[in-house]
Amino acid sequence: MTDSLYAIWGTSGSNVFAVGYSGTILHYDGTSWTTQESGTTSWLRGVWGASANDVFAVGFGGTILHYNGETWAQQTSGTASPFYGVWGASGTDVFAVGNGDSIFHYNGTNWTGQSTGVVEPQLGVWGANGSDVFAVGNSGTILHYNGTGWDKETSGTFAALWGVWGASGSDVFAVGSGGTVLHRAP
C-alpha cells in the first residue's frame, strides 16, 4: 500500500478503518491490514462509525459510503461538493462537512443539507451530542449547531482549522494551520 491515507477510526485495537486516496479503505483486524472494496475512486477524507457494523466514509465528489459490517455501499448525498469530515451522535444522527454553505445531516434514511450562512469550507466536525455539534474550517471558521440551526462563533484567528474535539459541549478544542490551538473552556 503506497496510497495516502487521510483519516482513521475504530471501535477497538482489532477493528480499525483507514481511508484515503482513490477510494482506498483499509481494515485492521488486530493482526493485519486488508483492503476493502469501496466501489469508488473518489478521495476519501473522513471516516466515523456508530459501531463496527455502522460506519460512514466521506470524500470528494459528494461521496458518502456506508459499511454494514459486510460491504460498503454508496449513499446519495445530493451534492457533488467534496466532504472532508464526518461525525455522528448515532447511526441515525450523522453530520458531514465540506465545501459550500451546507453541512449535511443523515437521519437514518436521507442526507439533507443544512444552511450555515458561510462560504468557507468546513474541514472538521465533532459533537457532544446531536444537538451540540461543532464544525471548523478555513479562515478560522467555527460553527455551532444547537439542534435547530448553525451559528457562527468568534475564533479570533484566520488560520484554517482542521480538527475539533471536546470533552463536553463547553470544553472544546480546535487545531489548525501554523500550530493554532484554540480552547473553549467551561
N, C-alpha and C. Protein backbone atom coordinates (compact mmCIF):
# COMPACT_ATOMS: atom_id res chain seq x y z
N MET A 1 0.85 -1.18 0.00
CA MET A 1 0.00 0.00 0.00
C MET A 1 0.89 1.24 0.00
N THR A 2 0.74 2.05 -1.02
CA THR A 2 1.51 3.30 -1.10
C THR A 2 0.61 4.52 -1.22
N ASP A 3 -0.71 4.31 -1.28
CA ASP A 3 -1.63 5.45 -1.39
C ASP A 3 -1.69 6.22 -0.07
N SER A 4 -1.88 7.54 -0.18
CA SER A 4 -2.01 8.38 1.01
C SER A 4 -3.30 8.06 1.74
N LEU A 5 -3.21 8.07 3.06
CA LEU A 5 -4.37 7.85 3.92
C LEU A 5 -4.65 9.15 4.67
N TYR A 6 -5.93 9.50 4.83
CA TYR A 6 -6.30 10.80 5.39
C TYR A 6 -7.05 10.74 6.71
N ALA A 7 -7.68 9.63 7.02
CA ALA A 7 -8.46 9.57 8.25
C ALA A 7 -8.50 8.14 8.78
N ILE A 8 -8.69 8.03 10.09
CA ILE A 8 -8.71 6.72 10.75
C ILE A 8 -9.75 6.75 11.87
N TRP A 9 -10.40 5.63 12.08
CA TRP A 9 -11.40 5.48 13.15
C TRP A 9 -11.53 4.00 13.47
N GLY A 10 -11.85 3.71 14.71
CA GLY A 10 -12.07 2.32 15.08
C GLY A 10 -12.87 2.17 16.35
N THR A 11 -13.30 0.94 16.60
CA THR A 11 -14.03 0.63 17.83
C THR A 11 -13.11 -0.01 18.87
N SER A 12 -11.99 -0.58 18.40
CA SER A 12 -11.03 -1.23 19.28
C SER A 12 -9.74 -1.44 18.50
N GLY A 13 -8.73 -1.98 19.16
CA GLY A 13 -7.46 -2.28 18.51
C GLY A 13 -7.56 -3.39 17.49
N SER A 14 -8.69 -4.06 17.44
CA SER A 14 -8.87 -5.14 16.46
C SER A 14 -10.01 -4.83 15.47
N ASN A 15 -10.38 -3.55 15.38
CA ASN A 15 -11.39 -3.14 14.41
C ASN A 15 -11.16 -1.67 14.06
N VAL A 16 -10.26 -1.44 13.10
CA VAL A 16 -9.85 -0.08 12.73
C VAL A 16 -10.01 0.10 11.23
N PHE A 17 -10.54 1.25 10.83
CA PHE A 17 -10.71 1.60 9.42
C PHE A 17 -9.84 2.81 9.10
N ALA A 18 -9.15 2.77 7.97
CA ALA A 18 -8.38 3.91 7.46
C ALA A 18 -8.84 4.17 6.03
N VAL A 19 -8.99 5.45 5.66
CA VAL A 19 -9.48 5.80 4.33
C VAL A 19 -8.53 6.80 3.68
N GLY A 20 -8.56 6.83 2.32
CA GLY A 20 -7.66 7.76 1.65
C GLY A 20 -7.85 7.87 0.16
N TYR A 21 -6.72 8.07 -0.49
CA TYR A 21 -6.63 8.37 -1.91
C TYR A 21 -7.33 7.32 -2.77
N SER A 22 -8.00 7.79 -3.80
CA SER A 22 -8.58 6.93 -4.84
C SER A 22 -9.51 5.84 -4.29
N GLY A 23 -10.29 6.19 -3.26
CA GLY A 23 -11.27 5.25 -2.72
C GLY A 23 -10.70 4.18 -1.81
N THR A 24 -9.46 4.37 -1.35
CA THR A 24 -8.82 3.37 -0.51
C THR A 24 -9.53 3.25 0.84
N ILE A 25 -9.87 2.01 1.20
CA ILE A 25 -10.36 1.70 2.54
C ILE A 25 -9.58 0.49 3.03
N LEU A 26 -8.92 0.65 4.17
CA LEU A 26 -8.20 -0.45 4.80
C LEU A 26 -8.88 -0.79 6.12
N HIS A 27 -8.84 -2.08 6.47
CA HIS A 27 -9.40 -2.53 7.74
C HIS A 27 -8.33 -3.33 8.48
N TYR A 28 -8.17 -3.03 9.78
CA TYR A 28 -7.23 -3.74 10.63
C TYR A 28 -8.01 -4.61 11.60
N ASP A 29 -7.67 -5.90 11.65
CA ASP A 29 -8.39 -6.85 12.50
C ASP A 29 -7.62 -7.22 13.76
N GLY A 30 -6.57 -6.47 14.07
CA GLY A 30 -5.74 -6.76 15.23
C GLY A 30 -4.48 -7.49 14.86
N THR A 31 -4.44 -8.04 13.65
CA THR A 31 -3.27 -8.78 13.17
C THR A 31 -2.71 -8.18 11.89
N SER A 32 -3.58 -7.89 10.93
CA SER A 32 -3.10 -7.38 9.65
C SER A 32 -4.12 -6.42 9.03
N TRP A 33 -3.61 -5.61 8.10
CA TRP A 33 -4.44 -4.68 7.33
C TRP A 33 -4.88 -5.35 6.04
N THR A 34 -6.16 -5.22 5.70
CA THR A 34 -6.66 -5.72 4.42
C THR A 34 -7.40 -4.60 3.71
N THR A 35 -7.37 -4.65 2.38
CA THR A 35 -8.09 -3.67 1.58
C THR A 35 -9.54 -4.10 1.44
N GLN A 36 -10.45 -3.15 1.62
CA GLN A 36 -11.87 -3.41 1.41
C GLN A 36 -12.32 -2.69 0.14
N GLU A 37 -13.21 -3.30 -0.60
CA GLU A 37 -13.73 -2.72 -1.84
C GLU A 37 -14.66 -1.56 -1.49
N SER A 38 -14.32 -0.36 -1.99
CA SER A 38 -15.14 0.82 -1.70
C SER A 38 -16.16 1.11 -2.78
N GLY A 39 -15.87 0.69 -4.01
CA GLY A 39 -16.77 0.99 -5.12
C GLY A 39 -16.64 2.39 -5.66
N THR A 40 -15.59 3.12 -5.24
CA THR A 40 -15.37 4.48 -5.73
C THR A 40 -13.88 4.73 -5.93
N THR A 41 -13.58 5.71 -6.77
CA THR A 41 -12.19 6.17 -6.93
C THR A 41 -12.03 7.56 -6.34
N SER A 42 -13.08 8.07 -5.71
CA SER A 42 -13.01 9.39 -5.06
C SER A 42 -12.08 9.34 -3.85
N TRP A 43 -11.36 10.43 -3.63
CA TRP A 43 -10.54 10.53 -2.43
C TRP A 43 -11.47 10.53 -1.23
N LEU A 44 -11.19 9.69 -0.26
CA LEU A 44 -11.97 9.63 0.98
C LEU A 44 -11.21 10.38 2.06
N ARG A 45 -11.86 11.35 2.70
CA ARG A 45 -11.19 12.25 3.64
C ARG A 45 -11.63 12.08 5.09
N GLY A 46 -12.74 11.40 5.33
CA GLY A 46 -13.21 11.24 6.69
C GLY A 46 -13.86 9.89 6.91
N VAL A 47 -13.79 9.39 8.14
CA VAL A 47 -14.43 8.12 8.49
C VAL A 47 -14.87 8.20 9.95
N TRP A 48 -16.05 7.68 10.23
CA TRP A 48 -16.61 7.63 11.58
C TRP A 48 -17.66 6.53 11.62
N GLY A 49 -17.84 5.94 12.79
CA GLY A 49 -18.87 4.93 12.91
C GLY A 49 -19.59 4.97 14.24
N ALA A 50 -20.81 4.46 14.24
CA ALA A 50 -21.58 4.30 15.47
C ALA A 50 -21.24 2.96 16.12
N SER A 51 -20.78 2.01 15.30
CA SER A 51 -20.40 0.68 15.78
C SER A 51 -19.57 0.02 14.69
N ALA A 52 -19.11 -1.19 14.94
CA ALA A 52 -18.32 -1.93 13.95
C ALA A 52 -19.11 -2.23 12.69
N ASN A 53 -20.44 -2.25 12.79
CA ASN A 53 -21.30 -2.58 11.65
C ASN A 53 -22.11 -1.39 11.15
N ASP A 54 -21.65 -0.19 11.47
CA ASP A 54 -22.38 1.03 11.10
C ASP A 54 -21.36 2.16 10.95
N VAL A 55 -20.64 2.15 9.81
CA VAL A 55 -19.51 3.06 9.59
C VAL A 55 -19.77 3.89 8.35
N PHE A 56 -19.38 5.17 8.41
CA PHE A 56 -19.54 6.09 7.29
C PHE A 56 -18.17 6.60 6.85
N ALA A 57 -17.97 6.71 5.54
CA ALA A 57 -16.77 7.33 4.97
C ALA A 57 -17.24 8.40 3.99
N VAL A 58 -16.55 9.55 3.98
CA VAL A 58 -16.93 10.65 3.10
C VAL A 58 -15.72 11.13 2.33
N GLY A 59 -15.99 11.78 1.16
CA GLY A 59 -14.88 12.26 0.36
C GLY A 59 -15.29 13.16 -0.77
N PHE A 60 -14.41 13.25 -1.75
CA PHE A 60 -14.60 14.15 -2.88
C PHE A 60 -15.80 13.73 -3.72
N GLY A 61 -16.32 14.70 -4.49
CA GLY A 61 -17.44 14.43 -5.37
C GLY A 61 -18.75 14.16 -4.65
N GLY A 62 -18.86 14.61 -3.40
CA GLY A 62 -20.08 14.35 -2.62
C GLY A 62 -20.22 12.91 -2.19
N THR A 63 -19.11 12.18 -2.18
CA THR A 63 -19.14 10.75 -1.86
C THR A 63 -19.45 10.50 -0.39
N ILE A 64 -20.45 9.67 -0.16
CA ILE A 64 -20.75 9.15 1.17
C ILE A 64 -20.94 7.65 1.03
N LEU A 65 -20.16 6.89 1.80
CA LEU A 65 -20.26 5.44 1.81
C LEU A 65 -20.71 4.97 3.19
N HIS A 66 -21.45 3.86 3.22
CA HIS A 66 -21.88 3.26 4.48
C HIS A 66 -21.47 1.79 4.50
N TYR A 67 -20.92 1.36 5.63
CA TYR A 67 -20.50 -0.02 5.84
C TYR A 67 -21.45 -0.69 6.83
N ASN A 68 -22.00 -1.83 6.45
CA ASN A 68 -22.97 -2.54 7.29
C ASN A 68 -22.38 -3.74 8.02
N GLY A 69 -21.05 -3.83 8.02
CA GLY A 69 -20.39 -4.97 8.64
C GLY A 69 -19.91 -5.99 7.64
N GLU A 70 -20.42 -5.88 6.40
CA GLU A 70 -20.02 -6.80 5.33
C GLU A 70 -19.53 -6.07 4.09
N THR A 71 -20.28 -5.06 3.64
CA THR A 71 -19.92 -4.35 2.41
C THR A 71 -20.12 -2.85 2.57
N TRP A 72 -19.42 -2.10 1.71
CA TRP A 72 -19.58 -0.65 1.62
C TRP A 72 -20.56 -0.35 0.50
N ALA A 73 -21.49 0.57 0.74
CA ALA A 73 -22.48 0.96 -0.27
C ALA A 73 -22.53 2.48 -0.36
N GLN A 74 -22.67 2.97 -1.59
CA GLN A 74 -22.79 4.40 -1.83
C GLN A 74 -24.15 4.90 -1.34
N GLN A 75 -24.15 6.06 -0.69
CA GLN A 75 -25.39 6.73 -0.31
C GLN A 75 -25.51 8.02 -1.11
N THR A 76 -26.72 8.46 -1.37
CA THR A 76 -26.94 9.68 -2.15
C THR A 76 -26.85 10.89 -1.25
N SER A 77 -25.89 11.79 -1.58
CA SER A 77 -25.72 13.00 -0.77
C SER A 77 -26.49 14.18 -1.33
N GLY A 78 -26.71 14.19 -2.65
CA GLY A 78 -27.38 15.32 -3.27
C GLY A 78 -26.46 16.47 -3.61
N THR A 79 -25.14 16.26 -3.52
CA THR A 79 -24.18 17.29 -3.87
C THR A 79 -22.98 16.64 -4.55
N ALA A 80 -22.27 17.45 -5.34
CA ALA A 80 -21.02 17.00 -5.94
C ALA A 80 -19.83 17.64 -5.24
N SER A 81 -20.10 18.46 -4.24
CA SER A 81 -19.03 19.12 -3.48
C SER A 81 -18.31 18.12 -2.60
N PRO A 82 -17.01 18.35 -2.35
CA PRO A 82 -16.26 17.41 -1.52
C PRO A 82 -16.65 17.49 -0.05
N PHE A 83 -16.56 16.34 0.61
CA PHE A 83 -16.70 16.27 2.06
C PHE A 83 -15.31 16.01 2.65
N TYR A 84 -15.04 16.64 3.82
CA TYR A 84 -13.74 16.49 4.48
C TYR A 84 -13.82 15.80 5.83
N GLY A 85 -14.99 15.76 6.43
CA GLY A 85 -15.11 15.16 7.75
C GLY A 85 -16.50 14.64 8.01
N VAL A 86 -16.59 13.70 8.95
CA VAL A 86 -17.88 13.11 9.31
C VAL A 86 -17.85 12.75 10.79
N TRP A 87 -18.99 12.95 11.45
CA TRP A 87 -19.16 12.60 12.86
C TRP A 87 -20.64 12.39 13.12
N GLY A 88 -20.95 11.55 14.08
CA GLY A 88 -22.35 11.35 14.42
C GLY A 88 -22.57 11.11 15.90
N ALA A 89 -23.78 11.41 16.34
CA ALA A 89 -24.19 11.08 17.70
C ALA A 89 -24.68 9.64 17.76
N SER A 90 -25.14 9.14 16.60
CA SER A 90 -25.58 7.76 16.45
C SER A 90 -25.60 7.45 14.95
N GLY A 91 -25.93 6.24 14.59
CA GLY A 91 -26.00 5.87 13.18
C GLY A 91 -27.15 6.52 12.44
N THR A 92 -28.06 7.16 13.17
CA THR A 92 -29.19 7.85 12.55
C THR A 92 -29.16 9.35 12.85
N ASP A 93 -27.99 9.86 13.21
CA ASP A 93 -27.80 11.29 13.51
C ASP A 93 -26.35 11.64 13.18
N VAL A 94 -26.06 11.77 11.86
CA VAL A 94 -24.69 11.90 11.37
C VAL A 94 -24.55 13.22 10.61
N PHE A 95 -23.39 13.87 10.77
CA PHE A 95 -23.09 15.14 10.11
C PHE A 95 -21.85 14.97 9.23
N ALA A 96 -21.92 15.51 8.00
CA ALA A 96 -20.78 15.51 7.08
C ALA A 96 -20.49 16.95 6.69
N VAL A 97 -19.20 17.34 6.73
CA VAL A 97 -18.81 18.72 6.43
C VAL A 97 -17.91 18.77 5.21
N GLY A 98 -17.96 19.91 4.51
CA GLY A 98 -17.13 20.09 3.32
C GLY A 98 -17.28 21.47 2.75
N ASN A 99 -17.25 21.57 1.42
CA ASN A 99 -17.35 22.86 0.74
C ASN A 99 -18.78 23.36 0.70
N GLY A 100 -18.91 24.66 0.46
CA GLY A 100 -20.23 25.24 0.29
C GLY A 100 -20.83 25.74 1.58
N ASP A 101 -22.06 26.22 1.49
CA ASP A 101 -22.69 26.79 2.68
C ASP A 101 -23.60 25.79 3.38
N SER A 102 -23.43 24.51 3.11
CA SER A 102 -24.26 23.49 3.75
C SER A 102 -23.42 22.47 4.50
N ILE A 103 -23.94 22.05 5.62
CA ILE A 103 -23.45 20.86 6.32
C ILE A 103 -24.55 19.83 6.15
N PHE A 104 -24.17 18.62 5.79
CA PHE A 104 -25.17 17.60 5.50
C PHE A 104 -25.44 16.74 6.73
N HIS A 105 -26.73 16.42 6.91
CA HIS A 105 -27.17 15.64 8.06
C HIS A 105 -27.91 14.39 7.57
N TYR A 106 -27.62 13.27 8.23
CA TYR A 106 -28.27 11.99 7.93
C TYR A 106 -29.19 11.62 9.09
N ASN A 107 -30.44 11.32 8.78
CA ASN A 107 -31.42 10.98 9.81
C ASN A 107 -31.73 9.49 9.89
N GLY A 108 -30.90 8.69 9.23
CA GLY A 108 -31.13 7.25 9.20
C GLY A 108 -31.75 6.80 7.90
N THR A 109 -32.28 7.76 7.14
CA THR A 109 -32.91 7.47 5.85
C THR A 109 -32.31 8.31 4.73
N ASN A 110 -32.24 9.63 4.94
CA ASN A 110 -31.78 10.56 3.90
C ASN A 110 -30.73 11.53 4.41
N TRP A 111 -29.89 11.99 3.48
CA TRP A 111 -28.95 13.09 3.73
C TRP A 111 -29.59 14.37 3.23
N THR A 112 -29.58 15.42 4.05
CA THR A 112 -30.11 16.72 3.64
C THR A 112 -29.14 17.81 4.05
N GLY A 113 -29.06 18.86 3.21
CA GLY A 113 -28.20 19.99 3.50
C GLY A 113 -28.83 20.92 4.52
N GLN A 114 -28.00 21.39 5.46
CA GLN A 114 -28.42 22.39 6.43
C GLN A 114 -27.63 23.66 6.15
N SER A 115 -28.29 24.76 5.85
CA SER A 115 -27.61 26.01 5.53
C SER A 115 -26.83 26.53 6.73
N THR A 116 -25.60 26.99 6.46
CA THR A 116 -24.75 27.53 7.53
C THR A 116 -24.59 29.04 7.45
N GLY A 117 -24.82 29.61 6.27
CA GLY A 117 -24.63 31.04 6.10
C GLY A 117 -23.19 31.45 5.88
N VAL A 118 -22.27 30.49 5.78
CA VAL A 118 -20.86 30.79 5.49
C VAL A 118 -20.45 30.08 4.20
N VAL A 119 -19.45 30.63 3.53
CA VAL A 119 -18.98 30.02 2.28
C VAL A 119 -17.66 29.27 2.47
N GLU A 120 -16.99 29.49 3.59
CA GLU A 120 -15.71 28.83 3.83
C GLU A 120 -15.92 27.32 3.98
N PRO A 121 -15.02 26.52 3.38
CA PRO A 121 -15.11 25.06 3.57
C PRO A 121 -14.97 24.68 5.04
N GLN A 122 -15.76 23.74 5.47
CA GLN A 122 -15.67 23.18 6.82
C GLN A 122 -14.84 21.90 6.73
N LEU A 123 -13.83 21.78 7.59
CA LEU A 123 -12.84 20.71 7.46
C LEU A 123 -12.93 19.65 8.55
N GLY A 124 -13.56 19.97 9.66
CA GLY A 124 -13.68 19.02 10.75
C GLY A 124 -15.00 19.18 11.47
N VAL A 125 -15.45 18.11 12.13
CA VAL A 125 -16.73 18.14 12.84
C VAL A 125 -16.67 17.21 14.04
N TRP A 126 -17.28 17.63 15.14
CA TRP A 126 -17.39 16.83 16.36
C TRP A 126 -18.55 17.37 17.18
N GLY A 127 -19.16 16.52 17.96
CA GLY A 127 -20.24 16.98 18.83
C GLY A 127 -20.27 16.27 20.16
N ALA A 128 -20.84 16.94 21.15
CA ALA A 128 -21.08 16.33 22.45
C ALA A 128 -22.30 15.43 22.37
N ASN A 129 -23.24 15.83 21.50
CA ASN A 129 -24.44 15.06 21.19
C ASN A 129 -25.04 15.63 19.92
N GLY A 130 -26.16 15.12 19.46
CA GLY A 130 -26.74 15.56 18.19
C GLY A 130 -27.28 16.97 18.18
N SER A 131 -27.39 17.61 19.33
CA SER A 131 -27.86 18.99 19.42
C SER A 131 -26.80 19.93 19.95
N ASP A 132 -25.54 19.49 19.91
CA ASP A 132 -24.42 20.30 20.40
C ASP A 132 -23.19 19.92 19.58
N VAL A 133 -23.17 20.41 18.32
CA VAL A 133 -22.18 19.98 17.33
C VAL A 133 -21.34 21.18 16.89
N PHE A 134 -20.04 20.95 16.69
CA PHE A 134 -19.13 21.99 16.24
C PHE A 134 -18.51 21.59 14.90
N ALA A 135 -18.43 22.56 13.99
CA ALA A 135 -17.73 22.37 12.71
C ALA A 135 -16.69 23.48 12.60
N VAL A 136 -15.51 23.13 12.11
CA VAL A 136 -14.42 24.10 11.95
C VAL A 136 -13.92 24.06 10.53
N GLY A 137 -13.32 25.20 10.09
CA GLY A 137 -12.85 25.24 8.72
C GLY A 137 -11.93 26.38 8.40
N ASN A 138 -11.88 26.73 7.12
CA ASN A 138 -11.00 27.78 6.62
C ASN A 138 -11.32 29.13 7.26
N SER A 139 -10.32 30.01 7.25
CA SER A 139 -10.45 31.38 7.75
C SER A 139 -10.90 31.44 9.21
N GLY A 140 -10.51 30.45 10.00
CA GLY A 140 -10.84 30.43 11.42
C GLY A 140 -12.30 30.21 11.72
N THR A 141 -13.04 29.66 10.76
CA THR A 141 -14.48 29.48 10.94
C THR A 141 -14.79 28.42 12.00
N ILE A 142 -15.64 28.78 12.94
CA ILE A 142 -16.20 27.84 13.90
C ILE A 142 -17.71 28.00 13.86
N LEU A 143 -18.40 26.89 13.62
CA LEU A 143 -19.86 26.88 13.62
C LEU A 143 -20.35 25.99 14.75
N HIS A 144 -21.47 26.38 15.36
CA HIS A 144 -22.07 25.58 16.42
C HIS A 144 -23.52 25.29 16.07
N TYR A 145 -23.89 24.02 16.19
CA TYR A 145 -25.26 23.57 15.94
C TYR A 145 -25.95 23.33 17.28
N ASN A 146 -27.12 23.93 17.47
CA ASN A 146 -27.84 23.83 18.74
C ASN A 146 -29.06 22.92 18.67
N GLY A 147 -29.17 22.16 17.60
CA GLY A 147 -30.31 21.27 17.42
C GLY A 147 -31.33 21.79 16.44
N THR A 148 -31.27 23.10 16.16
CA THR A 148 -32.20 23.69 15.18
C THR A 148 -31.49 24.45 14.08
N GLY A 149 -30.29 24.98 14.33
CA GLY A 149 -29.58 25.74 13.31
C GLY A 149 -28.12 25.94 13.66
N TRP A 150 -27.36 26.41 12.67
CA TRP A 150 -25.93 26.64 12.82
C TRP A 150 -25.67 28.12 13.06
N ASP A 151 -24.84 28.44 14.05
CA ASP A 151 -24.43 29.80 14.36
C ASP A 151 -22.92 29.90 14.27
N LYS A 152 -22.44 31.03 13.72
CA LYS A 152 -21.01 31.27 13.63
C LYS A 152 -20.51 31.81 14.96
N GLU A 153 -19.38 31.26 15.43
CA GLU A 153 -18.76 31.72 16.66
C GLU A 153 -17.46 32.44 16.35
N THR A 154 -17.05 33.34 17.21
CA THR A 154 -15.80 34.08 17.04
C THR A 154 -14.63 33.21 17.45
N SER A 155 -13.64 33.08 16.55
CA SER A 155 -12.48 32.26 16.85
C SER A 155 -11.25 33.09 17.22
N GLY A 156 -11.18 34.33 16.71
CA GLY A 156 -10.01 35.16 16.97
C GLY A 156 -8.83 34.84 16.09
N THR A 157 -9.03 34.02 15.05
CA THR A 157 -7.94 33.67 14.13
C THR A 157 -8.48 33.57 12.71
N PHE A 158 -7.56 33.71 11.76
CA PHE A 158 -7.90 33.47 10.36
C PHE A 158 -7.25 32.19 9.85
N ALA A 159 -6.60 31.45 10.75
CA ALA A 159 -5.95 30.19 10.37
C ALA A 159 -7.00 29.16 9.97
N ALA A 160 -6.65 28.31 9.03
CA ALA A 160 -7.52 27.17 8.69
C ALA A 160 -7.56 26.23 9.89
N LEU A 161 -8.75 25.88 10.31
CA LEU A 161 -8.93 24.95 11.43
C LEU A 161 -9.28 23.58 10.85
N TRP A 162 -8.46 22.58 11.18
CA TRP A 162 -8.57 21.25 10.56
C TRP A 162 -9.26 20.21 11.41
N GLY A 163 -9.25 20.41 12.71
CA GLY A 163 -9.84 19.39 13.58
C GLY A 163 -10.49 19.99 14.80
N VAL A 164 -11.46 19.27 15.34
CA VAL A 164 -12.17 19.71 16.53
C VAL A 164 -12.53 18.49 17.37
N TRP A 165 -12.43 18.64 18.69
CA TRP A 165 -12.78 17.58 19.63
C TRP A 165 -13.07 18.22 20.97
N GLY A 166 -13.89 17.58 21.77
CA GLY A 166 -14.17 18.11 23.09
C GLY A 166 -14.45 17.04 24.11
N ALA A 167 -14.32 17.43 25.38
CA ALA A 167 -14.70 16.56 26.49
C ALA A 167 -16.18 16.74 26.79
N SER A 168 -16.71 17.91 26.40
CA SER A 168 -18.13 18.23 26.54
C SER A 168 -18.42 19.40 25.61
N GLY A 169 -19.66 19.83 25.52
CA GLY A 169 -20.01 20.94 24.66
C GLY A 169 -19.45 22.27 25.13
N SER A 170 -19.01 22.35 26.38
CA SER A 170 -18.43 23.59 26.90
C SER A 170 -16.92 23.50 27.05
N ASP A 171 -16.32 22.37 26.70
CA ASP A 171 -14.88 22.16 26.81
C ASP A 171 -14.38 21.57 25.49
N VAL A 172 -14.14 22.48 24.51
CA VAL A 172 -13.89 22.07 23.13
C VAL A 172 -12.55 22.63 22.65
N PHE A 173 -11.80 21.79 21.92
CA PHE A 173 -10.52 22.19 21.34
C PHE A 173 -10.63 22.18 19.82
N ALA A 174 -9.95 23.14 19.18
CA ALA A 174 -9.82 23.15 17.72
C ALA A 174 -8.36 23.37 17.38
N VAL A 175 -7.88 22.70 16.33
CA VAL A 175 -6.48 22.85 15.90
C VAL A 175 -6.44 23.19 14.43
N GLY A 176 -5.32 23.86 14.03
CA GLY A 176 -5.24 24.25 12.64
C GLY A 176 -3.85 24.64 12.19
N SER A 177 -3.82 25.35 11.07
CA SER A 177 -2.58 25.75 10.41
C SER A 177 -1.70 26.58 11.33
N GLY A 178 -0.38 26.46 11.10
CA GLY A 178 0.58 27.26 11.84
C GLY A 178 0.62 26.96 13.32
N GLY A 179 0.24 25.76 13.72
CA GLY A 179 0.26 25.39 15.13
C GLY A 179 -0.87 25.97 15.95
N THR A 180 -1.92 26.43 15.30
CA THR A 180 -3.06 27.02 16.00
C THR A 180 -3.75 26.00 16.89
N VAL A 181 -3.93 26.36 18.15
CA VAL A 181 -4.71 25.56 19.09
C VAL A 181 -5.67 26.50 19.80
N LEU A 182 -6.95 26.23 19.70
CA LEU A 182 -7.98 27.03 20.36
C LEU A 182 -8.68 26.16 21.40
N HIS A 183 -9.12 26.79 22.49
CA HIS A 183 -9.80 26.05 23.54
C HIS A 183 -11.00 26.85 24.02
N ARG A 184 -12.14 26.26 23.99
CA ARG A 184 -13.36 26.84 24.57
C ARG A 184 -13.52 26.19 25.93
N ALA A 185 -13.16 26.95 26.97
CA ALA A 185 -13.13 26.40 28.32
C ALA A 185 -14.48 26.54 29.00
N PRO A 186 -14.77 25.58 29.90
CA PRO A 186 -16.03 25.65 30.64
C PRO A 186 -16.06 26.84 31.60
